[in-house]
Amino acid sequence: MNTTHTPGPWAVIGTEVRWLADDETVTTITELEDLTPRQAANARLIAAAPDLLAALQAVLPYLKGTESFAAQEAQARVAIAKATGA
């Protein structure tokens, strides 16, 4: 069983979120021809997920131990744990 996520880059193409490395479909958002605005927003968020995770992981060392950003460090750690299943 693979326990890691599919790395980016991902993109929204039509009604699918695709992994651009080999044009693999990561998920199909809907069978409808046109996405509703909410479905399109969800698709963009899903496609951005690998980049968002990488960005949080990159800034976490800069937040670590800084009293003025303690809440943001905690929030970043929770989000990273949620994304990685840790």
PDB file of N, CA and C in Angstrom:
ATOM      1  N   MET A   1       0.838  -1.188   0.000  1.00  0.00           N
ATOM      2  CA  MET A   1       0.000   0.000   0.000  1.00  0.00           C
ATOM      3  C   MET A   1       0.880   1.246   0.000  1.00  0.00           C
ATOM      4  N   ASN A   2       0.644   2.146  -0.937  1.00  0.00           N
ATOM      5  CA  ASN A   2       1.388   3.395  -1.031  1.00  0.00           C
ATOM      6  C   ASN A   2       0.844   4.377   0.004  1.00  0.00           C
ATOM      7  N   THR A   3       1.730   4.899   0.847  1.00  0.00           N
ATOM      8  CA  THR A   3       1.278   5.804   1.900  1.00  0.00           C
ATOM      9  C   THR A   3       1.691   7.245   1.655  1.00  0.00           C
ATOM     10  N   THR A   4       2.237   7.536   0.484  1.00  0.00           N
ATOM     11  CA  THR A   4       2.610   8.915   0.180  1.00  0.00           C
ATOM     12  C   THR A   4       1.661   9.482  -0.864  1.00  0.00           C
ATOM     13  N   HIS A   5       1.542  10.796  -0.846  1.00  0.00           N
ATOM     14  CA  HIS A   5       0.659  11.441  -1.823  1.00  0.00           C
ATOM     15  C   HIS A   5       1.363  11.569  -3.171  1.00  0.00           C
ATOM     16  N   THR A   6       0.592  11.809  -4.195  1.00  0.00           N
ATOM     17  CA  THR A   6       1.145  12.065  -5.517  1.00  0.00           C
ATOM     18  C   THR A   6       1.728  13.469  -5.509  1.00  0.00           C
ATOM     19  N   PRO A   7       3.011  13.616  -5.810  1.00  0.00           N
ATOM     20  CA  PRO A   7       3.622  14.945  -5.751  1.00  0.00           C
ATOM     21  C   PRO A   7       3.078  15.863  -6.843  1.00  0.00           C
ATOM     22  N   GLY A   8       3.254  17.161  -6.664  1.00  0.00           N
ATOM     23  CA  GLY A   8       2.849  18.120  -7.681  1.00  0.00           C
ATOM     24  C   GLY A   8       3.789  18.049  -8.861  1.00  0.00           C
ATOM     25  N   PRO A   9       3.534  18.756  -9.916  1.00  0.00           N
ATOM     26  CA  PRO A   9       2.433  19.710 -10.023  1.00  0.00           C
ATOM     27  C   PRO A   9       1.133  19.046 -10.460  1.00  0.00           C
ATOM     28  N   TRP A  10       0.051  19.540  -9.903  1.00  0.00           N
ATOM     29  CA  TRP A  10      -1.289  19.145 -10.295  1.00  0.00           C
ATOM     30  C   TRP A  10      -1.958  20.348 -10.948  1.00  0.00           C
ATOM     31  N   ALA A  11      -2.962  20.095 -11.760  1.00  0.00           N
ATOM     32  CA  ALA A  11      -3.722  21.181 -12.388  1.00  0.00           C
ATOM     33  C   ALA A  11      -5.149  20.732 -12.611  1.00  0.00           C
ATOM     34  N   VAL A  12      -6.045  21.696 -12.700  1.00  0.00           N
ATOM     35  CA  VAL A  12      -7.438  21.425 -13.036  1.00  0.00           C
ATOM     36  C   VAL A  12      -7.562  21.508 -14.549  1.00  0.00           C
ATOM     37  N   ILE A  13      -8.003  20.410 -15.155  1.00  0.00           N
ATOM     38  CA  ILE A  13      -8.197  20.358 -16.604  1.00  0.00           C
ATOM     39  C   ILE A  13      -9.594  19.796 -16.836  1.00  0.00           C
ATOM     40  N   GLY A  14     -10.467  20.657 -17.297  1.00  0.00           N
ATOM     41  CA  GLY A  14     -11.855  20.247 -17.493  1.00  0.00           C
ATOM     42  C   GLY A  14     -12.488  19.898 -16.165  1.00  0.00           C
ATOM     43  N   THR A  15     -12.980  18.662 -16.037  1.00  0.00           N
ATOM     44  CA  THR A  15     -13.618  18.220 -14.800  1.00  0.00           C
ATOM     45  C   THR A  15     -12.705  17.308 -13.987  1.00  0.00           C
ATOM     46  N   GLU A  16     -11.406  17.343 -14.280  1.00  0.00           N
ATOM     47  CA  GLU A  16     -10.466  16.471 -13.585  1.00  0.00           C
ATOM     48  C   GLU A  16      -9.337  17.264 -12.948  1.00  0.00           C
ATOM     49  N   VAL A  17      -8.792  16.708 -11.871  1.00  0.00           N
ATOM     50  CA  VAL A  17      -7.538  17.195 -11.325  1.00  0.00           C
ATOM     51  C   VAL A  17      -6.489  16.225 -11.843  1.00  0.00           C
ATOM     52  N   ARG A  18      -5.510  16.753 -12.556  1.00  0.00           N
ATOM     53  CA  ARG A  18      -4.517  15.891 -13.207  1.00  0.00           C
ATOM     54  C   ARG A  18      -3.133  16.127 -12.633  1.00  0.00           C
ATOM     55  N   TRP A  19      -2.355  15.052 -12.569  1.00  0.00           N
ATOM     56  CA  TRP A  19      -0.949  15.114 -12.203  1.00  0.00           C
ATOM     57  C   TRP A  19      -0.192  15.401 -13.482  1.00  0.00           C
ATOM     58  N   LEU A  20       0.460  16.540 -13.560  1.00  0.00           N
ATOM     59  CA  LEU A  20       1.070  16.973 -14.803  1.00  0.00           C
ATOM     60  C   LEU A  20       2.341  16.208 -15.160  1.00  0.00           C
ATOM     61  N   ALA A  21       2.942  15.518 -14.207  1.00  0.00           N
ATOM     62  CA  ALA A  21       4.173  14.781 -14.489  1.00  0.00           C
ATOM     63  C   ALA A  21       3.964  13.719 -15.562  1.00  0.00           C
ATOM     64  N   ASP A  22       2.808  13.073 -15.552  1.00  0.00           N
ATOM     65  CA  ASP A  22       2.542  12.081 -16.602  1.00  0.00           C
ATOM     66  C   ASP A  22       1.102  12.116 -17.094  1.00  0.00           C
ATOM     67  N   ASP A  23       0.418  13.234 -16.849  1.00  0.00           N
ATOM     68  CA  ASP A  23      -0.957  13.435 -17.308  1.00  0.00           C
ATOM     69  C   ASP A  23      -1.912  12.393 -16.735  1.00  0.00           C
ATOM     70  N   GLU A  24      -1.604  11.896 -15.532  1.00  0.00           N
ATOM     71  CA  GLU A  24      -2.465  10.932 -14.845  1.00  0.00           C
ATOM     72  C   GLU A  24      -3.601  11.673 -14.155  1.00  0.00           C
ATOM     73  N   THR A  25      -4.802  11.119 -14.210  1.00  0.00           N
ATOM     74  CA  THR A  25      -5.923  11.705 -13.487  1.00  0.00           C
ATOM     75  C   THR A  25      -5.802  11.348 -12.026  1.00  0.00           C
ATOM     76  N   VAL A  26      -5.720  12.363 -11.161  1.00  0.00           N
ATOM     77  CA  VAL A  26      -5.670  12.147  -9.722  1.00  0.00           C
ATOM     78  C   VAL A  26      -7.074  11.910  -9.207  1.00  0.00           C
ATOM     79  N   THR A  27      -8.012  12.732  -9.644  1.00  0.00           N
ATOM     80  CA  THR A  27      -9.407  12.553  -9.259  1.00  0.00           C
ATOM     81  C   THR A  27     -10.304  13.250 -10.272  1.00  0.00           C
ATOM     82  N   THR A  28     -11.489  12.747 -10.438  1.00  0.00           N
ATOM     83  CA  THR A  28     -12.497  13.408 -11.256  1.00  0.00           C
ATOM     84  C   THR A  28     -13.420  14.149 -10.310  1.00  0.00           C
ATOM     85  N   ILE A  29     -13.581  15.441 -10.539  1.00  0.00           N
ATOM     86  CA  ILE A  29     -14.390  16.266  -9.658  1.00  0.00           C
ATOM     87  C   ILE A  29     -15.874  15.991  -9.861  1.00  0.00           C
ATOM     88  N   THR A  30     -16.291  15.858 -11.079  1.00  0.00           N
ATOM     89  CA  THR A  30     -17.708  15.681 -11.377  1.00  0.00           C
ATOM     90  C   THR A  30     -17.858  15.098 -12.768  1.00  0.00           C
ATOM     91  N   GLU A  31     -18.964  14.489 -12.995  1.00  0.00           N
ATOM     92  CA  GLU A  31     -19.276  13.979 -14.330  1.00  0.00           C
ATOM     93  C   GLU A  31     -19.975  15.036 -15.179  1.00  0.00           C
ATOM     94  N   LEU A  32     -20.287  16.169 -14.577  1.00  0.00           N
ATOM     95  CA  LEU A  32     -20.972  17.233 -15.302  1.00  0.00           C
ATOM     96  C   LEU A  32     -20.059  17.874 -16.333  1.00  0.00           C
ATOM     97  N   GLU A  33     -20.631  18.409 -17.355  1.00  0.00           N
ATOM     98  CA  GLU A  33     -19.858  19.114 -18.376  1.00  0.00           C
ATOM     99  C   GLU A  33     -19.197  20.362 -17.813  1.00  0.00           C
ATOM    100  N   ASP A  34     -19.935  21.137 -17.039  1.00  0.00           N
ATOM    101  CA  ASP A  34     -19.424  22.388 -16.495  1.00  0.00           C
ATOM    102  C   ASP A  34     -19.400  22.317 -14.979  1.00  0.00           C
ATOM    103  N   LEU A  35     -18.324  22.772 -14.407  1.00  0.00           N
ATOM    104  CA  LEU A  35     -18.234  22.823 -12.954  1.00  0.00           C
ATOM    105  C   LEU A  35     -18.994  24.030 -12.434  1.00  0.00           C
ATOM    106  N   THR A  36     -19.657  23.866 -11.300  1.00  0.00           N
ATOM    107  CA  THR A  36     -20.243  25.027 -10.636  1.00  0.00           C
ATOM    108  C   THR A  36     -19.102  25.846 -10.054  1.00  0.00           C
ATOM    109  N   PRO A  37     -19.341  27.101  -9.710  1.00  0.00           N
ATOM    110  CA  PRO A  37     -18.273  27.893  -9.100  1.00  0.00           C
ATOM    111  C   PRO A  37     -17.682  27.223  -7.859  1.00  0.00           C
ATOM    112  N   ARG A  38     -18.506  26.602  -7.048  1.00  0.00           N
ATOM    113  CA  ARG A  38     -17.998  25.926  -5.846  1.00  0.00           C
ATOM    114  C   ARG A  38     -17.138  24.714  -6.220  1.00  0.00           C
ATOM    115  N   GLN A  39     -17.578  23.928  -7.187  1.00  0.00           N
ATOM    116  CA  GLN A  39     -16.796  22.772  -7.626  1.00  0.00           C
ATOM    117  C   GLN A  39     -15.451  23.219  -8.206  1.00  0.00           C
ATOM    118  N   ALA A  40     -15.460  24.306  -8.969  1.00  0.00           N
ATOM    119  CA  ALA A  40     -14.221  24.828  -9.541  1.00  0.00           C
ATOM    120  C   ALA A  40     -13.266  25.287  -8.438  1.00  0.00           C
ATOM    121  N   ALA A  41     -13.802  25.949  -7.416  1.00  0.00           N
ATOM    122  CA  ALA A  41     -12.974  26.397  -6.297  1.00  0.00           C
ATOM    123  C   ALA A  41     -12.401  25.196  -5.551  1.00  0.00           C
ATOM    124  N   ASN A  42     -13.201  24.161  -5.341  1.00  0.00           N
ATOM    125  CA  ASN A  42     -12.719  22.949  -4.692  1.00  0.00           C
ATOM    126  C   ASN A  42     -11.630  22.279  -5.526  1.00  0.00           C
ATOM    127  N   ALA A  43     -11.826  22.243  -6.830  1.00  0.00           N
ATOM    128  CA  ALA A  43     -10.831  21.634  -7.709  1.00  0.00           C
ATOM    129  C   ALA A  43      -9.510  22.389  -7.641  1.00  0.00           C
ATOM    130  N   ARG A  44      -9.566  23.716  -7.626  1.00  0.00           N
ATOM    131  CA  ARG A  44      -8.327  24.505  -7.528  1.00  0.00           C
ATOM    132  C   ARG A  44      -7.619  24.245  -6.206  1.00  0.00           C
ATOM    133  N   LEU A  45      -8.389  24.140  -5.126  1.00  0.00           N
ATOM    134  CA  LEU A  45      -7.799  23.870  -3.814  1.00  0.00           C
ATOM    135  C   LEU A  45      -7.137  22.493  -3.797  1.00  0.00           C
ATOM    136  N   ILE A  46      -7.809  21.495  -4.344  1.00  0.00           N
ATOM    137  CA  ILE A  46      -7.240  20.152  -4.416  1.00  0.00           C
ATOM    138  C   ILE A  46      -5.954  20.166  -5.248  1.00  0.00           C
ATOM    139  N   ALA A  47      -5.975  20.840  -6.376  1.00  0.00           N
ATOM    140  CA  ALA A  47      -4.796  20.899  -7.243  1.00  0.00           C
ATOM    141  C   ALA A  47      -3.634  21.615  -6.572  1.00  0.00           C
ATOM    142  N   ALA A  48      -3.924  22.580  -5.705  1.00  0.00           N
ATOM    143  CA  ALA A  48      -2.872  23.340  -5.022  1.00  0.00           C
ATOM    144  C   ALA A  48      -2.328  22.614  -3.794  1.00  0.00           C
ATOM    145  N   ALA A  49      -2.978  21.551  -3.349  1.00  0.00           N
ATOM    146  CA  ALA A  49      -2.611  20.886  -2.098  1.00  0.00           C
ATOM    147  C   ALA A  49      -1.136  20.502  -2.000  1.00  0.00           C
ATOM    148  N   PRO A  50      -0.520  19.875  -3.004  1.00  0.00           N
ATOM    149  CA  PRO A  50       0.898  19.537  -2.863  1.00  0.00           C
ATOM    150  C   PRO A  50       1.787  20.774  -2.692  1.00  0.00           C
ATOM    151  N   ASP A  51       1.463  21.846  -3.395  1.00  0.00           N
ATOM    152  CA  ASP A  51       2.239  23.083  -3.277  1.00  0.00           C
ATOM    153  C   ASP A  51       2.041  23.730  -1.909  1.00  0.00           C
ATOM    154  N   LEU A  52       0.818  23.700  -1.403  1.00  0.00           N
ATOM    155  CA  LEU A  52       0.536  24.266  -0.082  1.00  0.00           C
ATOM    156  C   LEU A  52       1.271  23.496   1.012  1.00  0.00           C
ATOM    157  N   LEU A  53       1.281  22.171   0.910  1.00  0.00           N
ATOM    158  CA  LEU A  53       1.999  21.354   1.880  1.00  0.00           C
ATOM    159  C   LEU A  53       3.493  21.671   1.839  1.00  0.00           C
ATOM    160  N   ALA A  54       4.063  21.736   0.654  1.00  0.00           N
ATOM    161  CA  ALA A  54       5.495  22.041   0.522  1.00  0.00           C
ATOM    162  C   ALA A  54       5.821  23.418   1.095  1.00  0.00           C
ATOM    163  N   ALA A  55       4.954  24.395   0.860  1.00  0.00           N
ATOM    164  CA  ALA A  55       5.186  25.743   1.382  1.00  0.00           C
ATOM    165  C   ALA A  55       5.147  25.759   2.905  1.00  0.00           C
ATOM    166  N   LEU A  56       4.175  25.068   3.494  1.00  0.00           N
ATOM    167  CA  LEU A  56       4.101  25.004   4.953  1.00  0.00           C
ATOM    168  C   LEU A  56       5.332  24.322   5.533  1.00  0.00           C
ATOM    169  N   GLN A  57       5.754  23.231   4.906  1.00  0.00           N
ATOM    170  CA  GLN A  57       6.938  22.538   5.390  1.00  0.00           C
ATOM    171  C   GLN A  57       8.182  23.409   5.270  1.00  0.00           C
ATOM    172  N   ALA A  58       8.240  24.255   4.245  1.00  0.00           N
ATOM    173  CA  ALA A  58       9.393  25.127   4.042  1.00  0.00           C
ATOM    174  C   ALA A  58       9.455  26.262   5.060  1.00  0.00           C
ATOM    175  N   VAL A  59       8.313  26.808   5.453  1.00  0.00           N
ATOM    176  CA  VAL A  59       8.325  27.943   6.390  1.00  0.00           C
ATOM    177  C   VAL A  59       8.332  27.512   7.848  1.00  0.00           C
ATOM    178  N   LEU A  60       7.999  26.259   8.120  1.00  0.00           N
ATOM    179  CA  LEU A  60       7.926  25.803   9.506  1.00  0.00           C
ATOM    180  C   LEU A  60       9.217  26.044  10.293  1.00  0.00           C
ATOM    181  N   PRO A  61      10.391  25.793   9.735  1.00  0.00           N
ATOM    182  CA  PRO A  61      11.610  26.061  10.513  1.00  0.00           C
ATOM    183  C   PRO A  61      11.764  27.528  10.919  1.00  0.00           C
ATOM    184  N   TYR A  62      11.233  28.428  10.136  1.00  0.00           N
ATOM    185  CA  TYR A  62      11.328  29.855  10.447  1.00  0.00           C
ATOM    186  C   TYR A  62      10.351  30.269  11.551  1.00  0.00           C
ATOM    187  N   LEU A  63       9.287  29.503  11.707  1.00  0.00           N
ATOM    188  CA  LEU A  63       8.301  29.786  12.746  1.00  0.00           C
ATOM    189  C   LEU A  63       8.680  29.147  14.077  1.00  0.00           C
ATOM    190  N   LYS A  64       9.464  28.083  14.011  1.00  0.00           N
ATOM    191  CA  LYS A  64       9.794  27.296  15.202  1.00  0.00           C
ATOM    192  C   LYS A  64      10.465  28.161  16.270  1.00  0.00           C
ATOM    193  N   GLY A  65       9.876  28.134  17.448  1.00  0.00           N
ATOM    194  CA  GLY A  65      10.460  28.813  18.590  1.00  0.00           C
ATOM    195  C   GLY A  65      10.310  30.321  18.606  1.00  0.00           C
ATOM    196  N   THR A  66       9.588  30.880  17.655  1.00  0.00           N
ATOM    197  CA  THR A  66       9.374  32.333  17.664  1.00  0.00           C
ATOM    198  C   THR A  66       8.093  32.621  18.424  1.00  0.00           C
ATOM    199  N   GLU A  67       8.248  33.310  19.530  1.00  0.00           N
ATOM    200  CA  GLU A  67       7.112  33.571  20.411  1.00  0.00           C
ATOM    201  C   GLU A  67       5.984  34.302  19.693  1.00  0.00           C
ATOM    202  N   SER A  68       6.328  35.251  18.820  1.00  0.00           N
ATOM    203  CA  SER A  68       5.292  36.042  18.162  1.00  0.00           C
ATOM    204  C   SER A  68       4.512  35.243  17.110  1.00  0.00           C
ATOM    205  N   PHE A  69       5.041  34.085  16.695  1.00  0.00           N
ATOM    206  CA  PHE A  69       4.352  33.267  15.692  1.00  0.00           C
ATOM    207  C   PHE A  69       3.990  31.884  16.230  1.00  0.00           C
ATOM    208  N   ALA A  70       3.872  31.749  17.542  1.00  0.00           N
ATOM    209  CA  ALA A  70       3.578  30.448  18.150  1.00  0.00           C
ATOM    210  C   ALA A  70       2.250  29.880  17.650  1.00  0.00           C
ATOM    211  N   ALA A  71       1.249  30.718  17.542  1.00  0.00           N
ATOM    212  CA  ALA A  71      -0.061  30.239  17.074  1.00  0.00           C
ATOM    213  C   ALA A  71       0.016  29.776  15.624  1.00  0.00           C
ATOM    214  N   GLN A  72       0.759  30.507  14.792  1.00  0.00           N
ATOM    215  CA  GLN A  72       0.889  30.124  13.389  1.00  0.00           C
ATOM    216  C   GLN A  72       1.715  28.841  13.248  1.00  0.00           C
ATOM    217  N   GLU A  73       2.735  28.684  14.112  1.00  0.00           N
ATOM    218  CA  GLU A  73       3.512  27.442  14.085  1.00  0.00           C
ATOM    219  C   GLU A  73       2.617  26.258  14.417  1.00  0.00           C
ATOM    220  N   ALA A  74       1.805  26.400  15.439  1.00  0.00           N
ATOM    221  CA  ALA A  74       0.894  25.320  15.835  1.00  0.00           C
ATOM    222  C   ALA A  74      -0.098  25.019  14.716  1.00  0.00           C
ATOM    223  N   GLN A  75      -0.622  26.051  14.104  1.00  0.00           N
ATOM    224  CA  GLN A  75      -1.586  25.872  13.009  1.00  0.00           C
ATOM    225  C   GLN A  75      -0.919  25.153  11.834  1.00  0.00           C
ATOM    226  N   ALA A  76       0.310  25.536  11.512  1.00  0.00           N
ATOM    227  CA  ALA A  76       1.036  24.890  10.416  1.00  0.00           C
ATOM    228  C   ALA A  76       1.285  23.424  10.728  1.00  0.00           C
ATOM    229  N   ARG A  77       1.669  23.124  11.965  1.00  0.00           N
ATOM    230  CA  ARG A  77       1.931  21.733  12.361  1.00  0.00           C
ATOM    231  C   ARG A  77       0.664  20.879  12.251  1.00  0.00           C
ATOM    232  N   VAL A  78      -0.472  21.430  12.666  1.00  0.00           N
ATOM    233  CA  VAL A  78      -1.728  20.690  12.566  1.00  0.00           C
ATOM    234  C   VAL A  78      -2.077  20.419  11.096  1.00  0.00           C
ATOM    235  N   ALA A  79      -1.916  21.426  10.256  1.00  0.00           N
ATOM    236  CA  ALA A  79      -2.237  21.258   8.835  1.00  0.00           C
ATOM    237  C   ALA A  79      -1.308  20.238   8.175  1.00  0.00           C
ATOM    238  N   ILE A  80      -0.017  20.283   8.506  1.00  0.00           N
ATOM    239  CA  ILE A  80       0.938  19.325   7.946  1.00  0.00           C
ATOM    240  C   ILE A  80       0.586  17.915   8.401  1.00  0.00           C
ATOM    241  N   ALA A  81       0.271  17.755   9.672  1.00  0.00           N
ATOM    242  CA  ALA A  81      -0.107  16.443  10.196  1.00  0.00           C
ATOM    243  C   ALA A  81      -1.359  15.918   9.498  1.00  0.00           C
ATOM    244  N   LYS A  82      -2.314  16.796   9.277  1.00  0.00           N
ATOM    245  CA  LYS A  82      -3.559  16.408   8.612  1.00  0.00           C
ATOM    246  C   LYS A  82      -3.277  15.949   7.176  1.00  0.00           C
ATOM    247  N   ALA A  83      -2.382  16.663   6.505  1.00  0.00           N
ATOM    248  CA  ALA A  83      -2.071  16.342   5.111  1.00  0.00           C
ATOM    249  C   ALA A  83      -1.237  15.068   4.975  1.00  0.00           C
ATOM    250  N   THR A  84      -0.382  14.813   5.969  1.00  0.00           N
ATOM    251  CA  THR A  84       0.532  13.680   5.863  1.00  0.00           C
ATOM    252  C   THR A  84       0.058  12.455   6.647  1.00  0.00           C
ATOM    253  N   GLY A  85      -0.989  12.621   7.448  1.00  0.00           N
ATOM    254  CA  GLY A  85      -1.482  11.514   8.250  1.00  0.00           C
ATOM    255  C   GLY A  85      -0.602  11.201   9.438  1.00  0.00           C
ATOM    256  N   ALA A  86       0.258  12.149   9.779  1.00  0.00           N
ATOM    257  CA  ALA A  86       1.195  11.929  10.916  1.00  0.00           C
ATOM    258  C   ALA A  86       0.551  12.289  12.234  1.00  0.00           C
TER     259      ALA A  86
END
